[in-house]
Amino acid sequence: MKRDMLEACVFATVLCGFFGIILKRNLVMKIISMDVMSTGVVAYYVLIASRNGLFTPILSNANKGNYADPVPQAVILTAIVIGFSIQALMLVGVMKLARDNPTLETHEIERNNAP
């Protein structure tokens, strides 16, 4: 029951980020929505990977047992770093757009740059 509620909250986070990307008109809000969606995906991956009865291979005193695979942890750390760098790159792009446009609203930028 508790796990189902956590899974529903994680899916709600992903959907909030997804709809924010689609519905928001401000570019900074779109970037924040993408970060929220990315956080939800990472949280879902962690929720799925967490299971009872697994031991850490380094800190466990148990001689026999099921050990947690460290590869998914490395993948999640890599996803977090890549997400951060993409977010920084998009913010630099928005800063360059802000030099030429008085607003960060997408429809205004499209209207100003239309041929």
N, C-alpha and C. Protein backbone atom coordinates (compact mmCIF):
# COMPACT_ATOMS: atom_id res chain seq x y z
N MET A 1 0.83 -1.20 0.00
CA MET A 1 0.00 0.00 0.00
C MET A 1 0.87 1.26 0.00
N LYS A 2 1.89 1.28 0.89
CA LYS A 2 2.77 2.45 0.99
C LYS A 2 3.59 2.61 -0.29
N ARG A 3 4.06 1.49 -0.84
CA ARG A 3 4.85 1.53 -2.07
C ARG A 3 4.01 2.02 -3.24
N ASP A 4 2.74 1.62 -3.28
CA ASP A 4 1.85 2.08 -4.35
C ASP A 4 1.64 3.59 -4.28
N MET A 5 1.54 4.11 -3.06
CA MET A 5 1.37 5.55 -2.90
C MET A 5 2.63 6.30 -3.34
N LEU A 6 3.80 5.77 -3.01
CA LEU A 6 5.05 6.38 -3.46
C LEU A 6 5.15 6.37 -4.98
N GLU A 7 4.76 5.24 -5.58
CA GLU A 7 4.81 5.14 -7.04
C GLU A 7 3.85 6.13 -7.69
N ALA A 8 2.68 6.32 -7.10
CA ALA A 8 1.73 7.29 -7.64
C ALA A 8 2.27 8.72 -7.53
N CYS A 9 2.93 9.02 -6.42
CA CYS A 9 3.52 10.36 -6.25
C CYS A 9 4.64 10.61 -7.25
N VAL A 10 5.43 9.58 -7.51
CA VAL A 10 6.52 9.72 -8.48
C VAL A 10 5.95 9.92 -9.88
N PHE A 11 4.92 9.16 -10.24
CA PHE A 11 4.29 9.34 -11.55
C PHE A 11 3.65 10.73 -11.66
N ALA A 12 3.07 11.23 -10.56
CA ALA A 12 2.50 12.57 -10.58
C ALA A 12 3.58 13.62 -10.81
N THR A 13 4.77 13.40 -10.23
CA THR A 13 5.89 14.33 -10.44
C THR A 13 6.32 14.34 -11.90
N VAL A 14 6.40 13.14 -12.50
CA VAL A 14 6.78 13.06 -13.91
C VAL A 14 5.74 13.74 -14.78
N LEU A 15 4.45 13.51 -14.48
CA LEU A 15 3.39 14.13 -15.29
C LEU A 15 3.35 15.64 -15.11
N CYS A 16 3.59 16.13 -13.89
CA CYS A 16 3.65 17.59 -13.68
C CYS A 16 4.76 18.22 -14.51
N GLY A 17 5.91 17.58 -14.52
CA GLY A 17 7.01 18.09 -15.34
C GLY A 17 6.69 18.03 -16.82
N PHE A 18 6.06 16.93 -17.26
CA PHE A 18 5.72 16.78 -18.68
C PHE A 18 4.72 17.84 -19.13
N PHE A 19 3.66 18.03 -18.34
CA PHE A 19 2.67 19.04 -18.71
C PHE A 19 3.22 20.45 -18.57
N GLY A 20 4.17 20.65 -17.66
CA GLY A 20 4.82 21.96 -17.56
C GLY A 20 5.62 22.28 -18.81
N ILE A 21 6.30 21.26 -19.36
CA ILE A 21 7.06 21.47 -20.59
C ILE A 21 6.11 21.85 -21.73
N ILE A 22 4.99 21.19 -21.80
CA ILE A 22 4.04 21.43 -22.89
C ILE A 22 3.28 22.74 -22.72
N LEU A 23 2.81 23.04 -21.52
CA LEU A 23 1.87 24.14 -21.33
C LEU A 23 2.50 25.48 -20.98
N LYS A 24 3.66 25.49 -20.35
CA LYS A 24 4.27 26.77 -19.96
C LYS A 24 4.82 27.48 -21.19
N ARG A 25 4.72 28.80 -21.19
CA ARG A 25 5.20 29.60 -22.30
C ARG A 25 6.56 30.23 -22.04
N ASN A 26 6.93 30.37 -20.77
CA ASN A 26 8.20 30.97 -20.42
C ASN A 26 9.30 29.92 -20.53
N LEU A 27 10.41 30.27 -21.15
CA LEU A 27 11.49 29.31 -21.38
C LEU A 27 12.14 28.84 -20.07
N VAL A 28 12.27 29.72 -19.10
CA VAL A 28 12.85 29.31 -17.82
C VAL A 28 11.93 28.31 -17.12
N MET A 29 10.63 28.54 -17.20
CA MET A 29 9.68 27.60 -16.60
C MET A 29 9.72 26.25 -17.32
N LYS A 30 9.95 26.26 -18.62
CA LYS A 30 10.10 24.99 -19.35
C LYS A 30 11.33 24.22 -18.87
N ILE A 31 12.41 24.93 -18.62
CA ILE A 31 13.63 24.29 -18.13
C ILE A 31 13.41 23.72 -16.73
N ILE A 32 12.73 24.46 -15.87
CA ILE A 32 12.43 23.96 -14.53
C ILE A 32 11.51 22.74 -14.61
N SER A 33 10.54 22.77 -15.51
CA SER A 33 9.64 21.63 -15.69
C SER A 33 10.40 20.40 -16.17
N MET A 34 11.37 20.61 -17.04
CA MET A 34 12.17 19.47 -17.50
C MET A 34 12.99 18.90 -16.36
N ASP A 35 13.48 19.75 -15.47
CA ASP A 35 14.24 19.28 -14.31
C ASP A 35 13.33 18.50 -13.34
N VAL A 36 12.10 18.97 -13.16
CA VAL A 36 11.14 18.26 -12.31
C VAL A 36 10.84 16.88 -12.90
N MET A 37 10.66 16.82 -14.21
CA MET A 37 10.39 15.54 -14.86
C MET A 37 11.58 14.60 -14.73
N SER A 38 12.78 15.12 -14.90
CA SER A 38 13.99 14.31 -14.75
C SER A 38 14.13 13.78 -13.33
N THR A 39 13.82 14.60 -12.35
CA THR A 39 13.87 14.18 -10.96
C THR A 39 12.86 13.07 -10.69
N GLY A 40 11.69 13.17 -11.28
CA GLY A 40 10.69 12.12 -11.13
C GLY A 40 11.14 10.80 -11.74
N VAL A 41 11.80 10.87 -12.89
CA VAL A 41 12.30 9.64 -13.53
C VAL A 41 13.38 8.99 -12.67
N VAL A 42 14.29 9.80 -12.13
CA VAL A 42 15.33 9.26 -11.26
C VAL A 42 14.71 8.65 -10.00
N ALA A 43 13.71 9.33 -9.43
CA ALA A 43 13.04 8.80 -8.24
C ALA A 43 12.33 7.49 -8.54
N TYR A 44 11.73 7.37 -9.73
CA TYR A 44 11.06 6.13 -10.10
C TYR A 44 12.09 5.00 -10.24
N TYR A 45 13.22 5.29 -10.82
CA TYR A 45 14.27 4.29 -10.97
C TYR A 45 14.77 3.81 -9.60
N VAL A 46 14.94 4.75 -8.68
CA VAL A 46 15.38 4.39 -7.33
C VAL A 46 14.30 3.57 -6.63
N LEU A 47 13.04 3.92 -6.82
CA LEU A 47 11.94 3.19 -6.19
C LEU A 47 11.87 1.75 -6.69
N ILE A 48 12.08 1.57 -7.99
CA ILE A 48 12.04 0.22 -8.55
C ILE A 48 13.26 -0.58 -8.10
N ALA A 49 14.42 0.07 -8.00
CA ALA A 49 15.65 -0.64 -7.65
C ALA A 49 15.72 -1.02 -6.18
N SER A 50 14.96 -0.33 -5.34
CA SER A 50 15.04 -0.63 -3.90
C SER A 50 14.18 -1.85 -3.58
N ARG A 51 14.84 -2.84 -3.02
CA ARG A 51 14.15 -4.07 -2.62
C ARG A 51 14.64 -4.47 -1.24
N ASN A 52 13.78 -5.11 -0.49
CA ASN A 52 14.17 -5.57 0.85
C ASN A 52 15.03 -6.82 0.74
N GLY A 53 15.93 -6.98 1.67
CA GLY A 53 16.75 -8.18 1.73
C GLY A 53 18.05 -8.10 0.96
N LEU A 54 18.36 -6.97 0.37
CA LEU A 54 19.63 -6.82 -0.35
C LEU A 54 20.66 -6.13 0.53
N PHE A 55 21.87 -6.56 0.43
CA PHE A 55 22.95 -5.99 1.23
C PHE A 55 23.90 -5.21 0.33
N THR A 56 24.55 -4.20 0.93
CA THR A 56 25.57 -3.48 0.17
C THR A 56 26.83 -4.33 0.16
N PRO A 57 27.46 -4.47 -1.01
CA PRO A 57 28.63 -5.34 -1.07
C PRO A 57 29.81 -4.86 -0.25
N ILE A 58 29.90 -3.58 0.05
CA ILE A 58 31.08 -3.05 0.74
C ILE A 58 30.88 -3.04 2.26
N LEU A 59 29.73 -2.57 2.71
CA LEU A 59 29.52 -2.34 4.14
C LEU A 59 28.83 -3.49 4.87
N SER A 60 28.52 -4.55 4.20
CA SER A 60 27.78 -5.63 4.82
C SER A 60 28.72 -6.61 5.53
N ASN A 61 28.29 -7.08 6.69
CA ASN A 61 29.05 -8.09 7.42
C ASN A 61 28.59 -9.50 7.08
N ALA A 62 27.53 -9.61 6.30
CA ALA A 62 26.99 -10.93 5.96
C ALA A 62 27.91 -11.64 4.97
N ASN A 63 28.17 -12.89 5.21
CA ASN A 63 29.01 -13.67 4.30
C ASN A 63 28.22 -14.16 3.09
N LYS A 64 26.98 -14.55 3.33
CA LYS A 64 26.15 -15.05 2.25
C LYS A 64 24.89 -14.20 2.19
N GLY A 65 24.38 -14.04 1.00
CA GLY A 65 23.16 -13.26 0.86
C GLY A 65 23.10 -12.61 -0.51
N ASN A 66 22.02 -11.95 -0.73
CA ASN A 66 21.84 -11.25 -1.98
C ASN A 66 22.46 -9.86 -1.87
N TYR A 67 23.34 -9.55 -2.79
CA TYR A 67 23.99 -8.26 -2.80
C TYR A 67 23.33 -7.35 -3.83
N ALA A 68 23.27 -6.08 -3.51
CA ALA A 68 22.71 -5.09 -4.42
C ALA A 68 23.72 -4.85 -5.55
N ASP A 69 23.19 -4.70 -6.74
CA ASP A 69 24.03 -4.44 -7.90
C ASP A 69 24.43 -2.96 -7.91
N PRO A 70 25.71 -2.63 -7.93
CA PRO A 70 26.11 -1.22 -7.91
C PRO A 70 25.99 -0.52 -9.26
N VAL A 71 25.76 -1.25 -10.34
CA VAL A 71 25.69 -0.63 -11.67
C VAL A 71 24.50 0.34 -11.78
N PRO A 72 23.28 -0.01 -11.32
CA PRO A 72 22.19 0.98 -11.40
C PRO A 72 22.48 2.26 -10.63
N GLN A 73 23.22 2.16 -9.53
CA GLN A 73 23.58 3.36 -8.78
C GLN A 73 24.50 4.25 -9.61
N ALA A 74 25.42 3.64 -10.32
CA ALA A 74 26.33 4.41 -11.19
C ALA A 74 25.56 5.05 -12.34
N VAL A 75 24.57 4.32 -12.87
CA VAL A 75 23.76 4.86 -13.97
C VAL A 75 22.96 6.07 -13.49
N ILE A 76 22.41 6.00 -12.29
CA ILE A 76 21.63 7.11 -11.76
C ILE A 76 22.53 8.32 -11.50
N LEU A 77 23.72 8.09 -10.94
CA LEU A 77 24.64 9.22 -10.74
C LEU A 77 25.02 9.86 -12.07
N THR A 78 25.23 9.04 -13.08
CA THR A 78 25.54 9.57 -14.41
C THR A 78 24.36 10.36 -14.96
N ALA A 79 23.14 9.87 -14.77
CA ALA A 79 21.95 10.58 -15.26
C ALA A 79 21.79 11.92 -14.56
N ILE A 80 22.10 11.97 -13.28
CA ILE A 80 22.00 13.24 -12.55
C ILE A 80 23.01 14.25 -13.09
N VAL A 81 24.23 13.81 -13.33
CA VAL A 81 25.27 14.72 -13.84
C VAL A 81 24.93 15.19 -15.26
N ILE A 82 24.47 14.28 -16.10
CA ILE A 82 24.10 14.67 -17.46
C ILE A 82 22.91 15.62 -17.45
N GLY A 83 21.93 15.37 -16.56
CA GLY A 83 20.78 16.27 -16.45
C GLY A 83 21.19 17.66 -16.01
N PHE A 84 22.13 17.73 -15.08
CA PHE A 84 22.62 19.03 -14.63
C PHE A 84 23.33 19.78 -15.75
N SER A 85 24.15 19.08 -16.52
CA SER A 85 24.88 19.75 -17.59
C SER A 85 23.93 20.20 -18.71
N ILE A 86 22.91 19.40 -19.00
CA ILE A 86 21.93 19.82 -20.01
C ILE A 86 21.16 21.04 -19.54
N GLN A 87 20.80 21.04 -18.27
CA GLN A 87 20.09 22.20 -17.72
C GLN A 87 20.96 23.45 -17.80
N ALA A 88 22.23 23.34 -17.48
CA ALA A 88 23.14 24.49 -17.56
C ALA A 88 23.27 24.97 -19.01
N LEU A 89 23.37 24.05 -19.95
CA LEU A 89 23.48 24.42 -21.36
C LEU A 89 22.22 25.13 -21.84
N MET A 90 21.05 24.65 -21.42
CA MET A 90 19.81 25.31 -21.82
C MET A 90 19.69 26.70 -21.20
N LEU A 91 20.15 26.87 -19.97
CA LEU A 91 20.10 28.19 -19.36
C LEU A 91 21.04 29.17 -20.07
N VAL A 92 22.17 28.69 -20.55
CA VAL A 92 23.06 29.56 -21.34
C VAL A 92 22.38 29.96 -22.64
N GLY A 93 21.68 29.02 -23.27
CA GLY A 93 20.92 29.34 -24.48
C GLY A 93 19.84 30.37 -24.23
N VAL A 94 19.16 30.27 -23.10
CA VAL A 94 18.14 31.25 -22.75
C VAL A 94 18.78 32.61 -22.48
N MET A 95 19.95 32.62 -21.86
CA MET A 95 20.64 33.90 -21.64
C MET A 95 21.01 34.56 -22.96
N LYS A 96 21.43 33.77 -23.94
CA LYS A 96 21.75 34.34 -25.25
C LYS A 96 20.48 34.86 -25.94
N LEU A 97 19.37 34.14 -25.80
CA LEU A 97 18.10 34.62 -26.36
C LEU A 97 17.65 35.91 -25.67
N ALA A 98 17.90 36.02 -24.38
CA ALA A 98 17.46 37.20 -23.63
C ALA A 98 18.20 38.46 -24.06
N ARG A 99 19.40 38.31 -24.63
CA ARG A 99 20.12 39.49 -25.12
C ARG A 99 19.39 40.14 -26.29
N ASP A 100 18.80 39.31 -27.17
CA ASP A 100 18.18 39.84 -28.38
C ASP A 100 16.68 40.08 -28.24
N ASN A 101 16.05 39.48 -27.24
CA ASN A 101 14.60 39.59 -27.08
C ASN A 101 14.27 40.19 -25.72
N PRO A 102 13.27 41.06 -25.69
CA PRO A 102 12.91 41.67 -24.40
C PRO A 102 12.15 40.73 -23.48
N THR A 103 11.72 39.59 -23.96
CA THR A 103 10.92 38.66 -23.17
C THR A 103 11.43 37.23 -23.37
N LEU A 104 11.02 36.34 -22.48
CA LEU A 104 11.36 34.93 -22.62
C LEU A 104 10.13 34.09 -22.94
N GLU A 105 9.04 34.74 -23.33
CA GLU A 105 7.82 34.02 -23.74
C GLU A 105 8.02 33.46 -25.15
N THR A 106 7.70 32.18 -25.32
CA THR A 106 7.99 31.52 -26.59
C THR A 106 7.23 32.12 -27.76
N HIS A 107 5.96 32.46 -27.57
CA HIS A 107 5.20 32.99 -28.70
C HIS A 107 5.70 34.37 -29.12
N GLU A 108 6.20 35.18 -28.18
CA GLU A 108 6.78 36.48 -28.53
C GLU A 108 8.08 36.32 -29.29
N ILE A 109 8.92 35.38 -28.87
CA ILE A 109 10.19 35.15 -29.56
C ILE A 109 9.94 34.63 -30.97
N GLU A 110 8.98 33.72 -31.13
CA GLU A 110 8.65 33.21 -32.47
C GLU A 110 8.10 34.33 -33.35
N ARG A 111 7.28 35.21 -32.79
CA ARG A 111 6.70 36.30 -33.57
C ARG A 111 7.78 37.31 -33.98
N ASN A 112 8.75 37.59 -33.09
CA ASN A 112 9.81 38.54 -33.41
C ASN A 112 10.80 38.00 -34.43
N ASN A 113 10.97 36.67 -34.48
CA ASN A 113 11.95 36.07 -35.38
C ASN A 113 11.32 35.44 -36.61
N ALA A 114 10.05 35.67 -36.85
CA ALA A 114 9.40 35.11 -38.04
C ALA A 114 9.86 35.86 -39.29
N PRO A 115 10.00 35.15 -40.41
CA PRO A 115 10.47 35.83 -41.63
C PRO A 115 9.43 36.76 -42.22
